[in-house]
Amino acid sequence: MSLSVFVSAIEEGSIAAAGRRFGLSAVMAGRYLSALEKSLSVRLIERTTHRLSLTDAGAAYFARSKHILETLEQANAEAADLQATPRGTLRIAAPTTFGSMYLGPVVARFMAEFPQVEVALHLQDRFVDLVEEGVDLAVRIGNLPDSDLVARKIRDYRLMACASPEYLKSAGIPQTPADLQSHQLLGYIGAVTAEPWHFTSDDGKAVTVETRCRFMANNTAVMLEVALCGSGIVYGPDFVFAKSLAGGRLVPVLAAYTGASLPLHAITPTSKHVNFKTRLFIDRLKQAFG
């Protein structure tokens, strides 16, 4: 209790307010704080008539204490969840192409495993506001902007360049990234694979190509279709092209070079308490893709 009262006093700005949070009088809350300081043999809080201020030792202790209490709260919630049955609606946002190509089977298995859970899957190529739009979980591909959201990495994909055999037969096969500048290029509008294109040679040398794309789209499925029609060399996530590469409809370009890394994350609004069904789905994502 002493630790909780200490953290609450700092968060609330007064000992009396911390006491009210736990149904204690201001005097009793103050005794808890005094007992904590006595046990540590260090002063944590400087008390004045109008405010509380942390000592240097108190500031360090507050940061650790807050983390400990949050971890304990999470552990308690998880323990309670083990006795519960997941139920209700799980709202997921995911990129259009990745979601339509790969998430269907994961969702189907999840619903079969947990029959009292309903899934609402929203596919869109934009970063949704999870809090504003009431989304439990977002699957995001690419580098993430700084935010208060919590990201759990699932795996890395790679960006790669490829083209149809017909296009390469007529336009020639580039041998180095610099050769791309004489070709018709197909790229993505947005943060995931925006210009310039990045490659790493076998000897570890990074190469950046300032590209001028003849065709650009904010949807990788459309980029794939344009590439399959023989319109140029496309640069995008390897999972988009995997089936076409396996079937020979596309072939890799610059196979001696490695494209940039593209992380896949599961994003939740907060780490404080992620609901049971969301945690379960993140586990299934890791099993499917990790």
Protein backbone atom coordinates (compact mmCIF):
# COMPACT_ATOMS: atom_id res chain seq x y z
CA MET A 1 0.00 0.00 0.00
CA SER A 2 2.85 2.43 0.82
CA LEU A 3 4.15 2.21 -2.76
CA SER A 4 0.70 2.86 -4.24
CA VAL A 5 0.09 5.83 -1.94
CA PHE A 6 3.49 7.29 -2.84
CA VAL A 7 2.86 7.06 -6.59
CA SER A 8 -0.69 8.37 -6.24
CA ALA A 9 0.44 11.33 -4.13
CA ILE A 10 2.79 12.44 -6.91
CA GLU A 11 0.21 11.84 -9.64
CA GLU A 12 -2.60 13.56 -7.73
CA GLY A 13 -0.42 16.37 -6.41
CA SER A 14 -1.29 15.92 -2.75
CA ILE A 15 -1.26 13.34 0.04
CA ALA A 16 -4.93 13.98 0.81
CA ALA A 17 -5.94 13.22 -2.80
CA ALA A 18 -3.89 10.03 -2.74
CA GLY A 19 -5.67 9.02 0.45
CA ARG A 20 -9.07 9.60 -1.13
CA ARG A 21 -8.12 7.31 -4.03
CA PHE A 22 -7.66 4.45 -1.56
CA GLY A 23 -10.30 5.44 0.98
CA LEU A 24 -7.75 6.67 3.52
CA SER A 25 -7.63 9.82 5.58
CA ALA A 26 -4.89 12.33 4.80
CA VAL A 27 -3.25 11.46 8.13
CA MET A 28 -3.20 7.74 7.38
CA ALA A 29 -1.88 8.33 3.84
CA GLY A 30 0.88 10.49 5.31
CA ARG A 31 1.79 7.69 7.71
CA TYR A 32 2.16 5.27 4.80
CA LEU A 33 4.56 7.70 3.11
CA SER A 34 6.54 8.23 6.28
CA ALA A 35 6.81 4.47 6.82
CA LEU A 36 8.08 4.04 3.26
CA GLU A 37 10.76 6.71 3.70
CA LYS A 38 11.75 5.23 7.06
CA SER A 39 12.13 1.74 5.58
CA LEU A 40 14.33 3.14 2.77
CA SER A 41 16.25 5.54 5.05
CA VAL A 42 15.89 8.23 2.40
CA ARG A 43 13.64 11.25 1.88
CA LEU A 44 11.48 10.84 -1.22
CA ILE A 45 9.21 13.92 -1.05
CA GLU A 46 9.75 17.49 0.06
CA ARG A 47 6.49 18.64 1.62
CA THR A 48 5.36 22.27 1.75
CA THR A 49 2.01 23.81 2.58
CA HIS A 50 0.99 24.13 -1.08
CA ARG A 51 2.82 21.41 -3.01
CA LEU A 52 4.81 18.23 -3.08
CA SER A 53 8.13 17.95 -4.85
CA LEU A 54 10.32 14.91 -5.43
CA THR A 55 13.87 14.73 -4.20
CA ASP A 56 16.46 13.33 -6.63
CA ALA A 57 16.16 9.95 -4.93
CA GLY A 58 12.37 10.30 -4.99
CA ALA A 59 12.28 10.99 -8.72
CA ALA A 60 14.24 7.84 -9.51
CA TYR A 61 12.17 5.82 -7.05
CA PHE A 62 8.90 7.17 -8.51
CA ALA A 63 9.80 6.09 -12.05
CA ARG A 64 10.66 2.57 -10.91
CA SER A 65 7.66 2.33 -8.61
CA LYS A 66 5.23 3.42 -11.31
CA HIS A 67 6.60 0.76 -13.67
CA ILE A 68 6.37 -1.90 -10.94
CA LEU A 69 2.73 -1.05 -10.18
CA GLU A 70 1.78 -1.06 -13.87
CA THR A 71 3.48 -4.44 -14.33
CA LEU A 72 1.64 -5.79 -11.29
CA GLU A 73 -1.68 -4.46 -12.60
CA GLN A 74 -1.03 -6.13 -15.95
CA ALA A 75 -0.11 -9.41 -14.24
CA ASN A 76 -3.30 -9.31 -12.14
CA ALA A 77 -5.40 -8.65 -15.24
CA GLU A 78 -3.74 -11.49 -17.13
CA ALA A 79 -4.28 -13.86 -14.23
CA ALA A 80 -7.96 -12.95 -14.16
CA ASP A 81 -8.19 -13.38 -17.93
CA LEU A 82 -6.95 -16.97 -17.67
CA GLN A 83 -10.19 -17.81 -15.92
CA ALA A 84 -12.31 -15.89 -18.43
CA THR A 85 -13.73 -16.76 -21.82
CA PRO A 86 -12.83 -14.25 -24.55
CA ARG A 87 -15.95 -12.68 -25.94
CA GLY A 88 -17.22 -9.54 -27.68
CA THR A 89 -16.04 -7.72 -30.80
CA LEU A 90 -12.37 -7.45 -31.71
CA ARG A 91 -11.80 -4.44 -33.96
CA ILE A 92 -8.71 -4.72 -36.19
CA ALA A 93 -7.25 -2.30 -38.75
CA ALA A 94 -4.76 -3.54 -41.34
CA PRO A 95 -3.23 -2.54 -44.70
CA THR A 96 -5.50 -3.41 -47.62
CA THR A 97 -3.19 -5.69 -49.60
CA PHE A 98 -1.63 -7.53 -46.66
CA GLY A 99 -5.00 -7.96 -44.99
CA SER A 100 -6.78 -9.28 -48.07
CA MET A 101 -3.92 -11.64 -48.97
CA TYR A 102 -2.94 -13.04 -45.58
CA LEU A 103 -5.21 -12.15 -42.64
CA GLY A 104 -8.33 -14.06 -43.74
CA PRO A 105 -7.09 -17.51 -42.66
CA VAL A 106 -5.71 -16.13 -39.37
CA VAL A 107 -9.07 -14.52 -38.54
CA ALA A 108 -10.99 -17.66 -39.55
CA ARG A 109 -8.88 -19.88 -37.29
CA PHE A 110 -9.21 -17.36 -34.45
CA MET A 111 -13.01 -17.30 -34.68
CA ALA A 112 -13.13 -21.10 -34.81
CA GLU A 113 -10.94 -21.28 -31.69
CA PHE A 114 -12.95 -18.64 -29.79
CA PRO A 115 -16.60 -18.90 -30.91
CA GLN A 116 -17.81 -16.08 -28.63
CA VAL A 117 -15.56 -13.49 -30.30
CA GLU A 118 -16.70 -11.45 -33.30
CA VAL A 119 -14.12 -9.78 -35.56
CA ALA A 120 -14.50 -6.47 -37.40
CA LEU A 121 -11.59 -6.15 -39.83
CA HIS A 122 -11.08 -2.73 -41.44
CA LEU A 123 -8.68 -2.70 -44.41
CA GLN A 124 -7.23 0.67 -45.40
CA ASP A 125 -3.86 2.06 -46.45
CA ARG A 126 -3.67 4.78 -43.83
CA PHE A 127 -2.66 5.02 -40.18
CA VAL A 128 -5.97 4.98 -38.30
CA ASP A 129 -6.37 6.75 -34.97
CA LEU A 130 -6.91 3.75 -32.70
CA VAL A 131 -8.37 5.73 -29.81
CA GLU A 132 -10.57 8.02 -31.90
CA GLU A 133 -11.91 5.18 -34.08
CA GLY A 134 -12.27 2.60 -31.31
CA VAL A 135 -9.79 0.09 -32.78
CA ASP A 136 -8.37 -2.59 -30.48
CA LEU A 137 -5.45 -3.57 -32.68
CA ALA A 138 -3.76 -2.28 -35.83
CA VAL A 139 -1.44 -4.29 -38.04
CA ARG A 140 1.08 -1.88 -39.52
CA ILE A 141 3.87 -2.42 -42.01
CA GLY A 142 6.76 0.02 -42.28
CA ASN A 143 8.60 2.39 -40.01
CA LEU A 144 6.38 3.85 -37.30
CA PRO A 145 6.08 7.52 -36.37
CA ASP A 146 6.69 8.49 -32.76
CA SER A 147 3.51 8.16 -30.72
CA ASP A 148 2.08 7.02 -27.40
CA LEU A 149 0.87 3.79 -29.00
CA VAL A 150 2.50 0.49 -28.08
CA ALA A 151 4.14 -1.55 -30.87
CA ARG A 152 4.88 -5.26 -30.71
CA LYS A 153 7.11 -6.41 -33.54
CA ILE A 154 5.96 -9.55 -35.35
CA ARG A 155 8.64 -9.91 -38.03
CA ASP A 156 10.54 -8.18 -40.82
CA TYR A 157 9.72 -8.27 -44.51
CA ARG A 158 11.94 -6.97 -47.30
CA LEU A 159 11.40 -4.49 -50.06
CA MET A 160 12.46 -5.85 -53.43
CA ALA A 161 12.51 -4.96 -57.11
CA CYS A 162 10.93 -7.21 -59.71
CA ALA A 163 9.35 -7.09 -63.17
CA SER A 164 7.58 -9.28 -65.68
CA PRO A 165 9.72 -11.39 -68.03
CA GLU A 166 8.11 -9.57 -70.98
CA TYR A 167 9.20 -6.16 -69.73
CA LEU A 168 12.78 -7.28 -69.07
CA LYS A 169 12.97 -8.94 -72.47
CA SER A 170 12.10 -5.67 -74.19
CA ALA A 171 13.83 -3.18 -71.86
CA GLY A 172 16.84 -5.15 -70.68
CA ILE A 173 17.92 -6.36 -67.26
CA PRO A 174 19.51 -3.82 -64.89
CA GLN A 175 22.76 -5.01 -63.31
CA THR A 176 23.16 -2.32 -60.65
CA PRO A 177 20.75 0.01 -58.83
CA ALA A 178 22.07 2.92 -60.91
CA ASP A 179 20.75 1.17 -64.05
CA LEU A 180 17.19 1.64 -62.77
CA GLN A 181 17.25 5.26 -63.84
CA SER A 182 16.98 4.20 -67.50
CA HIS A 183 13.91 2.04 -66.84
CA GLN A 184 10.20 2.59 -66.33
CA LEU A 185 9.62 2.38 -62.58
CA LEU A 186 6.52 1.66 -60.53
CA GLY A 187 6.43 2.91 -56.94
CA TYR A 188 4.33 3.52 -53.87
CA ILE A 189 2.91 6.85 -52.73
CA GLY A 190 3.38 7.03 -48.99
CA ALA A 191 5.75 6.34 -46.14
CA VAL A 192 6.25 2.61 -46.70
CA THR A 193 8.22 2.49 -49.96
CA ALA A 194 8.44 6.11 -50.97
CA GLU A 195 11.40 7.39 -52.96
CA PRO A 196 14.32 7.03 -52.88
CA TRP A 197 14.78 3.27 -53.25
CA HIS A 198 17.33 1.64 -50.94
CA PHE A 199 19.52 -1.41 -51.55
CA THR A 200 22.45 -3.11 -49.84
CA SER A 201 25.10 -4.94 -51.87
CA ASP A 202 26.52 -8.33 -50.90
CA ASP A 203 29.57 -6.63 -49.39
CA GLY A 204 27.36 -4.50 -47.14
CA LYS A 205 27.53 -1.25 -49.07
CA ALA A 206 24.35 0.83 -48.89
CA VAL A 207 23.07 2.21 -52.20
CA THR A 208 20.33 4.83 -52.54
CA VAL A 209 18.66 5.45 -55.89
CA GLU A 210 16.83 8.71 -56.55
CA THR A 211 14.03 7.32 -58.67
CA ARG A 212 11.49 8.96 -60.96
CA CYS A 213 8.49 6.66 -61.18
CA ARG A 214 6.29 6.69 -64.23
CA PHE A 215 3.49 5.11 -62.21
CA MET A 216 2.78 5.51 -58.49
CA ALA A 217 -0.12 4.29 -56.33
CA ASN A 218 -1.04 4.18 -52.67
CA ASN A 219 -2.10 0.55 -53.01
CA THR A 220 0.40 -2.26 -53.55
CA ALA A 221 -2.18 -4.57 -55.17
CA VAL A 222 -2.58 -2.06 -58.02
CA MET A 223 1.21 -1.77 -58.31
CA LEU A 224 1.36 -5.56 -58.66
CA GLU A 225 -1.24 -5.61 -61.43
CA VAL A 226 0.53 -2.87 -63.39
CA ALA A 227 3.83 -4.76 -63.07
CA LEU A 228 2.19 -8.00 -64.25
CA CYS A 229 1.04 -6.14 -67.38
CA GLY A 230 4.68 -5.47 -68.26
CA SER A 231 4.69 -1.75 -67.53
CA GLY A 232 7.99 -1.56 -65.65
CA ILE A 233 10.05 -2.49 -62.60
CA VAL A 234 8.16 -2.39 -59.32
CA TYR A 235 9.66 -1.91 -55.84
CA GLY A 236 7.64 -3.03 -52.86
CA PRO A 237 7.16 -5.57 -50.06
CA ASP A 238 8.22 -9.11 -50.94
CA PHE A 239 4.97 -10.60 -49.59
CA VAL A 240 3.00 -8.74 -52.28
CA PHE A 241 4.97 -10.39 -55.09
CA ALA A 242 5.53 -13.86 -53.56
CA LYS A 243 2.83 -15.76 -55.45
CA SER A 244 3.63 -14.08 -58.78
CA LEU A 245 7.33 -14.82 -58.32
CA ALA A 246 6.61 -18.45 -57.48
CA GLY A 247 4.46 -18.75 -60.61
CA GLY A 248 7.04 -17.11 -62.87
CA ARG A 249 4.85 -14.14 -63.77
CA LEU A 250 7.40 -11.86 -62.13
CA VAL A 251 11.15 -12.31 -61.75
CA PRO A 252 13.49 -10.65 -59.24
CA VAL A 253 15.59 -7.72 -60.40
CA LEU A 254 18.96 -6.90 -58.80
CA ALA A 255 19.01 -10.23 -56.97
CA ALA A 256 22.58 -9.52 -55.81
CA TYR A 257 21.24 -6.62 -53.73
CA THR A 258 19.00 -6.62 -50.64
CA GLY A 259 16.15 -4.16 -50.33
CA ALA A 260 15.32 -2.15 -47.22
CA SER A 261 13.82 -3.88 -44.19
CA LEU A 262 10.09 -3.50 -43.61
CA PRO A 263 8.88 -4.33 -40.07
CA LEU A 264 5.44 -5.75 -39.31
CA HIS A 265 4.01 -4.55 -35.98
CA ALA A 266 0.89 -5.14 -33.94
CA ILE A 267 -0.16 -1.78 -32.46
CA THR A 268 -2.37 -1.25 -29.41
CA PRO A 269 -3.53 2.03 -27.86
CA THR A 270 -1.87 1.35 -24.50
CA SER A 271 0.27 -1.15 -22.66
CA LYS A 272 -1.53 -0.66 -19.35
CA HIS A 273 -4.14 -3.31 -19.97
CA VAL A 274 -4.60 -4.86 -23.37
CA ASN A 275 -7.85 -6.81 -23.35
CA PHE A 276 -7.74 -10.59 -23.39
CA LYS A 277 -8.99 -11.18 -26.93
CA THR A 278 -6.52 -8.63 -28.34
CA ARG A 279 -3.59 -10.34 -26.62
CA LEU A 280 -4.77 -13.69 -27.93
CA PHE A 281 -4.95 -12.38 -31.48
CA ILE A 282 -1.44 -10.89 -31.22
CA ASP A 283 -0.24 -14.34 -30.14
CA ARG A 284 -1.91 -15.87 -33.23
CA LEU A 285 -0.25 -13.25 -35.46
CA LYS A 286 3.13 -14.24 -34.03
CA GLN A 287 2.35 -17.90 -34.64
CA ALA A 288 1.27 -17.24 -38.23
CA PHE A 289 3.96 -14.78 -39.29
CA GLY A 290 6.67 -14.66 -36.64
